[in-house]
């Protein structure tokens, strides 16, 4: 498969989401959702860092961090929109999975985005120490 650690982290988070989150209702534990978002942010950062390696090669660490963390947070925002859509669209269209909620309230969304940001910053710190 792939040697990119970020791909494995994101893949593992998605599998954990379906098996542990939906299958065994681990969403009843507050640490589960926070862990998924932190590791999701870290994984997306590592994927983007690997994908854009040649484009970002000449940049200073701070500029590289700003670009990659910003792009990671953008992915997190898109994810939150997807969660919102999976909650509201079935209610409007009366689809078979009507009644399931994939999104919490505003504090939950802000916590999720903050953890995506922290995961990306952690990835940036790892890269800083690896390069030093």
N, C-alpha and C. Protein backbone atom coordinates (compact mmCIF):
# COMPACT_ATOMS: atom_id res chain seq x y z
N UNK A 1 0.85 -1.18 0.00
CA UNK A 1 0.00 0.00 0.00
C UNK A 1 0.89 1.24 0.00
N UNK A 2 0.59 2.21 0.80
CA UNK A 2 1.37 3.44 0.80
C UNK A 2 2.28 3.51 2.02
N UNK A 3 3.39 4.22 1.85
CA UNK A 3 4.33 4.36 2.96
C UNK A 3 4.08 5.63 3.75
N UNK A 4 3.12 6.45 3.33
CA UNK A 4 2.82 7.70 4.01
C UNK A 4 2.10 7.41 5.32
N UNK A 5 2.70 7.82 6.43
CA UNK A 5 2.11 7.58 7.75
C UNK A 5 0.76 8.28 7.89
N UNK A 6 0.61 9.44 7.25
CA UNK A 6 -0.65 10.16 7.32
C UNK A 6 -1.81 9.38 6.75
N UNK A 7 -1.57 8.67 5.66
CA UNK A 7 -2.63 7.85 5.05
C UNK A 7 -3.07 6.75 6.01
N UNK A 8 -2.12 6.15 6.68
CA UNK A 8 -2.45 5.10 7.64
C UNK A 8 -3.21 5.65 8.85
N UNK A 9 -2.83 6.84 9.29
CA UNK A 9 -3.52 7.45 10.43
C UNK A 9 -4.96 7.77 10.07
N UNK A 10 -5.17 8.39 8.91
CA UNK A 10 -6.53 8.73 8.49
C UNK A 10 -7.35 7.47 8.25
N UNK A 11 -6.76 6.48 7.59
CA UNK A 11 -7.45 5.21 7.35
C UNK A 11 -7.86 4.56 8.67
N UNK A 12 -6.95 4.54 9.63
CA UNK A 12 -7.24 3.95 10.94
C UNK A 12 -8.35 4.72 11.67
N UNK A 13 -8.33 6.05 11.56
CA UNK A 13 -9.36 6.85 12.20
C UNK A 13 -10.74 6.58 11.58
N UNK A 14 -10.78 6.42 10.27
CA UNK A 14 -12.06 6.14 9.60
C UNK A 14 -12.57 4.76 10.01
N UNK A 15 -11.70 3.77 10.03
CA UNK A 15 -12.10 2.42 10.45
C UNK A 15 -12.56 2.42 11.91
N UNK A 16 -11.81 3.11 12.77
CA UNK A 16 -12.19 3.20 14.19
C UNK A 16 -13.54 3.89 14.33
N UNK A 17 -13.78 4.90 13.49
CA UNK A 17 -15.07 5.60 13.52
C UNK A 17 -16.22 4.64 13.25
N UNK A 18 -16.08 3.84 12.20
CA UNK A 18 -17.17 2.93 11.85
C UNK A 18 -17.31 1.76 12.82
N UNK A 19 -16.20 1.13 13.16
CA UNK A 19 -16.28 -0.06 14.00
C UNK A 19 -16.54 0.30 15.46
N UNK A 20 -15.68 1.14 16.02
CA UNK A 20 -15.84 1.48 17.43
C UNK A 20 -16.93 2.52 17.66
N UNK A 21 -16.95 3.55 16.82
CA UNK A 21 -17.92 4.63 17.00
C UNK A 21 -19.35 4.21 16.77
N UNK A 22 -19.61 3.67 15.59
CA UNK A 22 -20.98 3.28 15.24
C UNK A 22 -21.31 1.87 15.71
N UNK A 23 -20.36 0.95 15.58
CA UNK A 23 -20.62 -0.44 15.95
C UNK A 23 -20.73 -0.67 17.44
N UNK A 24 -19.83 -0.06 18.22
CA UNK A 24 -19.81 -0.28 19.67
C UNK A 24 -20.15 0.97 20.46
N UNK A 25 -20.65 2.01 19.78
CA UNK A 25 -21.11 3.24 20.40
C UNK A 25 -20.06 3.90 21.29
N UNK A 26 -18.83 3.96 20.79
CA UNK A 26 -17.76 4.63 21.55
C UNK A 26 -17.95 6.14 21.60
N UNK A 27 -18.90 6.66 20.83
CA UNK A 27 -19.16 8.09 20.90
C UNK A 27 -19.74 8.50 22.24
N UNK A 28 -20.11 7.54 23.08
CA UNK A 28 -20.57 7.86 24.43
C UNK A 28 -19.40 8.32 25.31
N UNK A 29 -18.16 8.04 24.88
CA UNK A 29 -16.97 8.49 25.58
C UNK A 29 -16.47 9.78 24.92
N UNK A 30 -16.30 10.81 25.70
CA UNK A 30 -15.90 12.11 25.11
C UNK A 30 -14.51 12.05 24.47
N UNK A 31 -13.63 11.20 24.97
CA UNK A 31 -12.27 11.13 24.44
C UNK A 31 -12.23 10.52 23.04
N UNK A 32 -13.25 9.77 22.68
CA UNK A 32 -13.21 9.08 21.39
C UNK A 32 -13.27 10.07 20.23
N UNK A 33 -14.26 10.95 20.25
CA UNK A 33 -14.40 11.93 19.18
C UNK A 33 -13.21 12.88 19.14
N UNK A 34 -12.73 13.29 20.32
CA UNK A 34 -11.58 14.20 20.35
C UNK A 34 -10.33 13.52 19.79
N UNK A 35 -10.15 12.26 20.11
CA UNK A 35 -8.99 11.53 19.57
C UNK A 35 -9.06 11.41 18.05
N UNK A 36 -10.25 11.10 17.54
CA UNK A 36 -10.39 10.98 16.09
C UNK A 36 -10.06 12.29 15.38
N UNK A 37 -10.52 13.41 15.93
CA UNK A 37 -10.25 14.69 15.29
C UNK A 37 -8.78 15.07 15.40
N UNK A 38 -8.15 14.81 16.54
CA UNK A 38 -6.73 15.12 16.67
C UNK A 38 -5.91 14.30 15.69
N UNK A 39 -6.15 12.99 15.66
CA UNK A 39 -5.38 12.14 14.75
C UNK A 39 -5.76 12.40 13.29
N UNK A 40 -7.00 12.78 13.05
CA UNK A 40 -7.39 13.16 11.69
C UNK A 40 -6.63 14.38 11.22
N UNK A 41 -6.50 15.40 12.09
CA UNK A 41 -5.73 16.59 11.75
C UNK A 41 -4.27 16.27 11.52
N UNK A 42 -3.70 15.41 12.37
CA UNK A 42 -2.31 14.99 12.19
C UNK A 42 -2.14 14.24 10.88
N UNK A 43 -3.04 13.31 10.59
CA UNK A 43 -2.94 12.51 9.37
C UNK A 43 -3.08 13.35 8.12
N UNK A 44 -4.04 14.27 8.10
CA UNK A 44 -4.23 15.13 6.93
C UNK A 44 -3.01 16.01 6.74
N UNK A 45 -2.45 16.54 7.83
CA UNK A 45 -1.23 17.33 7.73
C UNK A 45 -0.10 16.53 7.08
N UNK A 46 0.08 15.30 7.53
CA UNK A 46 1.16 14.47 6.99
C UNK A 46 0.92 14.12 5.52
N UNK A 47 -0.33 13.88 5.16
CA UNK A 47 -0.66 13.60 3.75
C UNK A 47 -0.35 14.81 2.89
N UNK A 48 -0.81 15.99 3.32
CA UNK A 48 -0.58 17.21 2.55
C UNK A 48 0.92 17.54 2.47
N UNK A 49 1.61 17.33 3.57
CA UNK A 49 3.05 17.59 3.60
C UNK A 49 3.78 16.70 2.61
N UNK A 50 3.38 15.45 2.54
CA UNK A 50 4.01 14.52 1.61
C UNK A 50 3.64 14.86 0.16
N UNK A 51 2.38 15.18 -0.08
CA UNK A 51 1.90 15.44 -1.43
C UNK A 51 2.54 16.70 -2.02
N UNK A 52 2.68 17.74 -1.18
CA UNK A 52 3.23 19.00 -1.65
C UNK A 52 4.70 19.18 -1.28
N UNK A 53 5.40 18.09 -1.01
CA UNK A 53 6.79 18.14 -0.58
C UNK A 53 7.66 18.97 -1.52
N UNK A 54 7.59 18.70 -2.81
CA UNK A 54 8.46 19.42 -3.76
C UNK A 54 8.05 20.89 -3.89
N UNK A 55 6.77 21.18 -3.80
CA UNK A 55 6.31 22.57 -3.91
C UNK A 55 6.71 23.41 -2.70
N UNK A 56 6.82 22.78 -1.55
CA UNK A 56 7.12 23.50 -0.32
C UNK A 56 8.57 23.39 0.11
N UNK A 57 9.40 22.75 -0.70
CA UNK A 57 10.78 22.45 -0.31
C UNK A 57 11.60 23.69 0.01
N UNK A 58 11.41 24.78 -0.69
CA UNK A 58 12.22 25.96 -0.48
C UNK A 58 11.70 26.91 0.59
N UNK A 59 10.56 26.60 1.17
CA UNK A 59 9.97 27.52 2.16
C UNK A 59 10.56 27.33 3.54
N UNK A 60 10.59 28.41 4.28
CA UNK A 60 10.97 28.33 5.69
C UNK A 60 9.92 27.53 6.46
N UNK A 61 10.32 26.99 7.61
CA UNK A 61 9.43 26.15 8.41
C UNK A 61 8.13 26.87 8.77
N UNK A 62 8.22 28.15 9.16
CA UNK A 62 7.02 28.89 9.57
C UNK A 62 6.04 29.06 8.41
N UNK A 63 6.53 29.41 7.25
CA UNK A 63 5.64 29.57 6.09
C UNK A 63 5.02 28.23 5.68
N UNK A 64 5.83 27.21 5.72
CA UNK A 64 5.33 25.86 5.40
C UNK A 64 4.25 25.46 6.39
N UNK A 65 4.48 25.75 7.67
CA UNK A 65 3.50 25.44 8.71
C UNK A 65 2.20 26.18 8.50
N UNK A 66 2.28 27.47 8.19
CA UNK A 66 1.07 28.26 7.98
C UNK A 66 0.26 27.69 6.82
N UNK A 67 0.91 27.35 5.73
CA UNK A 67 0.21 26.80 4.57
C UNK A 67 -0.41 25.44 4.86
N UNK A 68 0.38 24.54 5.44
CA UNK A 68 -0.12 23.18 5.67
C UNK A 68 -1.16 23.12 6.78
N UNK A 69 -0.97 23.89 7.84
CA UNK A 69 -1.97 23.90 8.92
C UNK A 69 -3.26 24.54 8.41
N UNK A 70 -3.13 25.61 7.63
CA UNK A 70 -4.32 26.24 7.04
C UNK A 70 -5.08 25.29 6.13
N UNK A 71 -4.35 24.55 5.31
CA UNK A 71 -4.99 23.58 4.41
C UNK A 71 -5.65 22.45 5.20
N UNK A 72 -5.00 22.03 6.29
CA UNK A 72 -5.58 20.98 7.14
C UNK A 72 -6.86 21.46 7.80
N UNK A 73 -6.86 22.69 8.28
CA UNK A 73 -8.08 23.23 8.90
C UNK A 73 -9.18 23.37 7.85
N UNK A 74 -8.82 23.71 6.63
CA UNK A 74 -9.82 23.77 5.55
C UNK A 74 -10.47 22.39 5.35
N UNK A 75 -9.67 21.34 5.38
CA UNK A 75 -10.22 19.98 5.28
C UNK A 75 -11.16 19.72 6.46
N UNK A 76 -10.78 20.18 7.66
CA UNK A 76 -11.65 20.02 8.83
C UNK A 76 -12.97 20.76 8.68
N UNK A 77 -12.94 21.95 8.11
CA UNK A 77 -14.17 22.72 7.87
C UNK A 77 -15.06 21.99 6.87
N UNK A 78 -14.45 21.47 5.82
CA UNK A 78 -15.22 20.70 4.83
C UNK A 78 -15.84 19.47 5.48
N UNK A 79 -15.09 18.82 6.37
CA UNK A 79 -15.61 17.66 7.10
C UNK A 79 -16.82 18.06 7.94
N UNK A 80 -16.74 19.19 8.62
CA UNK A 80 -17.86 19.64 9.45
C UNK A 80 -19.09 19.96 8.60
N UNK A 81 -18.88 20.53 7.42
CA UNK A 81 -20.00 20.76 6.50
C UNK A 81 -20.62 19.43 6.07
N UNK A 82 -19.78 18.42 5.84
CA UNK A 82 -20.29 17.10 5.46
C UNK A 82 -21.12 16.51 6.60
N UNK A 83 -20.64 16.62 7.83
CA UNK A 83 -21.42 16.14 8.98
C UNK A 83 -22.76 16.85 9.06
N UNK A 84 -22.75 18.15 8.88
CA UNK A 84 -23.98 18.93 8.91
C UNK A 84 -24.94 18.47 7.80
N UNK A 85 -24.39 18.23 6.61
CA UNK A 85 -25.22 17.80 5.48
C UNK A 85 -25.83 16.43 5.74
N UNK A 86 -25.05 15.50 6.32
CA UNK A 86 -25.58 14.17 6.60
C UNK A 86 -26.66 14.20 7.68
N UNK A 87 -26.71 15.27 8.45
CA UNK A 87 -27.75 15.40 9.47
C UNK A 87 -28.99 16.09 8.92
N UNK A 88 -28.81 17.14 8.12
CA UNK A 88 -29.96 17.94 7.67
C UNK A 88 -30.62 17.42 6.41
N UNK A 89 -29.85 16.92 5.46
CA UNK A 89 -30.44 16.49 4.18
C UNK A 89 -31.43 15.34 4.37
N UNK A 90 -31.13 14.30 5.16
CA UNK A 90 -32.14 13.25 5.35
C UNK A 90 -33.42 13.76 6.01
N UNK A 91 -33.30 14.74 6.87
CA UNK A 91 -34.50 15.29 7.51
C UNK A 91 -35.37 16.03 6.49
N UNK A 92 -34.74 16.68 5.54
CA UNK A 92 -35.48 17.42 4.52
C UNK A 92 -36.09 16.47 3.49
N UNK A 93 -35.33 15.47 3.05
CA UNK A 93 -35.76 14.59 1.97
C UNK A 93 -36.41 13.30 2.44
N UNK A 94 -36.51 13.08 3.73
CA UNK A 94 -37.07 11.85 4.31
C UNK A 94 -36.37 10.61 3.76
N UNK A 95 -35.06 10.59 3.86
CA UNK A 95 -34.28 9.44 3.42
C UNK A 95 -34.29 8.35 4.49
N UNK A 96 -33.88 7.12 4.14
CA UNK A 96 -33.98 5.99 5.07
C UNK A 96 -33.24 6.18 6.39
N UNK A 97 -32.17 6.95 6.41
CA UNK A 97 -31.43 7.10 7.66
C UNK A 97 -31.87 8.36 8.42
N UNK A 98 -33.09 8.80 8.18
CA UNK A 98 -33.64 9.96 8.86
C UNK A 98 -33.58 9.76 10.37
N UNK A 99 -33.22 10.80 11.07
CA UNK A 99 -33.18 10.73 12.52
C UNK A 99 -31.80 10.54 13.10
N UNK A 100 -30.81 10.15 12.28
CA UNK A 100 -29.45 10.02 12.78
C UNK A 100 -28.81 11.40 12.83
N UNK A 101 -28.06 11.64 13.87
CA UNK A 101 -27.37 12.92 14.00
C UNK A 101 -25.87 12.69 13.95
N UNK A 102 -25.22 13.34 13.01
CA UNK A 102 -23.78 13.22 12.86
C UNK A 102 -23.04 14.43 13.40
N UNK A 103 -23.77 15.42 13.86
CA UNK A 103 -23.13 16.65 14.28
C UNK A 103 -23.72 17.11 15.61
N UNK A 104 -22.87 17.72 16.40
CA UNK A 104 -23.32 18.26 17.67
C UNK A 104 -23.68 19.73 17.53
N UNK A 105 -23.56 20.42 18.62
CA UNK A 105 -23.86 21.85 18.62
C UNK A 105 -22.62 22.66 18.26
N UNK A 106 -22.72 23.97 18.37
CA UNK A 106 -21.62 24.85 18.02
C UNK A 106 -20.36 24.57 18.85
N UNK A 107 -20.46 24.41 20.17
CA UNK A 107 -19.24 24.09 20.92
C UNK A 107 -18.57 22.79 20.46
N UNK A 108 -19.36 21.80 20.07
CA UNK A 108 -18.79 20.55 19.56
C UNK A 108 -18.04 20.79 18.26
N UNK A 109 -18.62 21.57 17.37
CA UNK A 109 -17.98 21.87 16.08
C UNK A 109 -16.68 22.64 16.30
N UNK A 110 -16.71 23.62 17.20
CA UNK A 110 -15.49 24.40 17.46
C UNK A 110 -14.42 23.53 18.13
N UNK A 111 -14.83 22.62 18.99
CA UNK A 111 -13.87 21.69 19.60
C UNK A 111 -13.26 20.80 18.53
N UNK A 112 -14.09 20.28 17.64
CA UNK A 112 -13.59 19.43 16.55
C UNK A 112 -12.57 20.17 15.70
N UNK A 113 -12.88 21.40 15.31
CA UNK A 113 -11.96 22.18 14.49
C UNK A 113 -10.68 22.52 15.25
N UNK A 114 -10.80 22.79 16.54
CA UNK A 114 -9.63 23.07 17.36
C UNK A 114 -8.72 21.86 17.45
N UNK A 115 -9.31 20.68 17.56
CA UNK A 115 -8.51 19.46 17.63
C UNK A 115 -7.87 19.13 16.29
N UNK A 116 -8.56 19.42 15.20
CA UNK A 116 -7.94 19.29 13.87
C UNK A 116 -6.71 20.20 13.79
N UNK A 117 -6.87 21.43 14.28
CA UNK A 117 -5.77 22.39 14.28
C UNK A 117 -4.61 21.91 15.16
N UNK A 118 -4.91 21.41 16.34
CA UNK A 118 -3.86 20.91 17.24
C UNK A 118 -3.12 19.72 16.63
N UNK A 119 -3.85 18.83 15.97
CA UNK A 119 -3.21 17.69 15.30
C UNK A 119 -2.26 18.15 14.22
N UNK A 120 -2.68 19.16 13.45
CA UNK A 120 -1.82 19.70 12.39
C UNK A 120 -0.60 20.39 12.98
N UNK A 121 -0.79 21.14 14.05
CA UNK A 121 0.35 21.80 14.70
C UNK A 121 1.33 20.78 15.27
N UNK A 122 0.80 19.70 15.80
CA UNK A 122 1.66 18.63 16.30
C UNK A 122 2.49 18.03 15.17
N UNK A 123 1.86 17.83 14.01
CA UNK A 123 2.59 17.33 12.85
C UNK A 123 3.68 18.29 12.41
N UNK A 124 3.39 19.58 12.47
CA UNK A 124 4.39 20.58 12.11
C UNK A 124 5.56 20.57 13.09
N UNK A 125 5.27 20.41 14.37
CA UNK A 125 6.34 20.33 15.38
C UNK A 125 7.17 19.08 15.15
N UNK A 126 6.53 17.98 14.82
CA UNK A 126 7.28 16.75 14.51
C UNK A 126 8.23 16.97 13.34
N UNK A 127 7.75 17.65 12.29
CA UNK A 127 8.60 17.93 11.14
C UNK A 127 9.75 18.86 11.50
N UNK A 128 9.48 19.83 12.37
CA UNK A 128 10.53 20.76 12.79
C UNK A 128 11.67 20.01 13.47
N UNK A 129 11.34 19.13 14.40
CA UNK A 129 12.38 18.40 15.12
C UNK A 129 13.04 17.32 14.28
N UNK A 130 12.31 16.79 13.32
CA UNK A 130 12.90 15.80 12.42
C UNK A 130 13.94 16.42 11.50
N UNK A 131 13.67 17.65 11.07
CA UNK A 131 14.58 18.34 10.15
C UNK A 131 15.78 18.94 10.89
N UNK A 132 15.64 19.21 12.20
CA UNK A 132 16.72 19.85 12.96
C UNK A 132 17.84 18.91 13.27
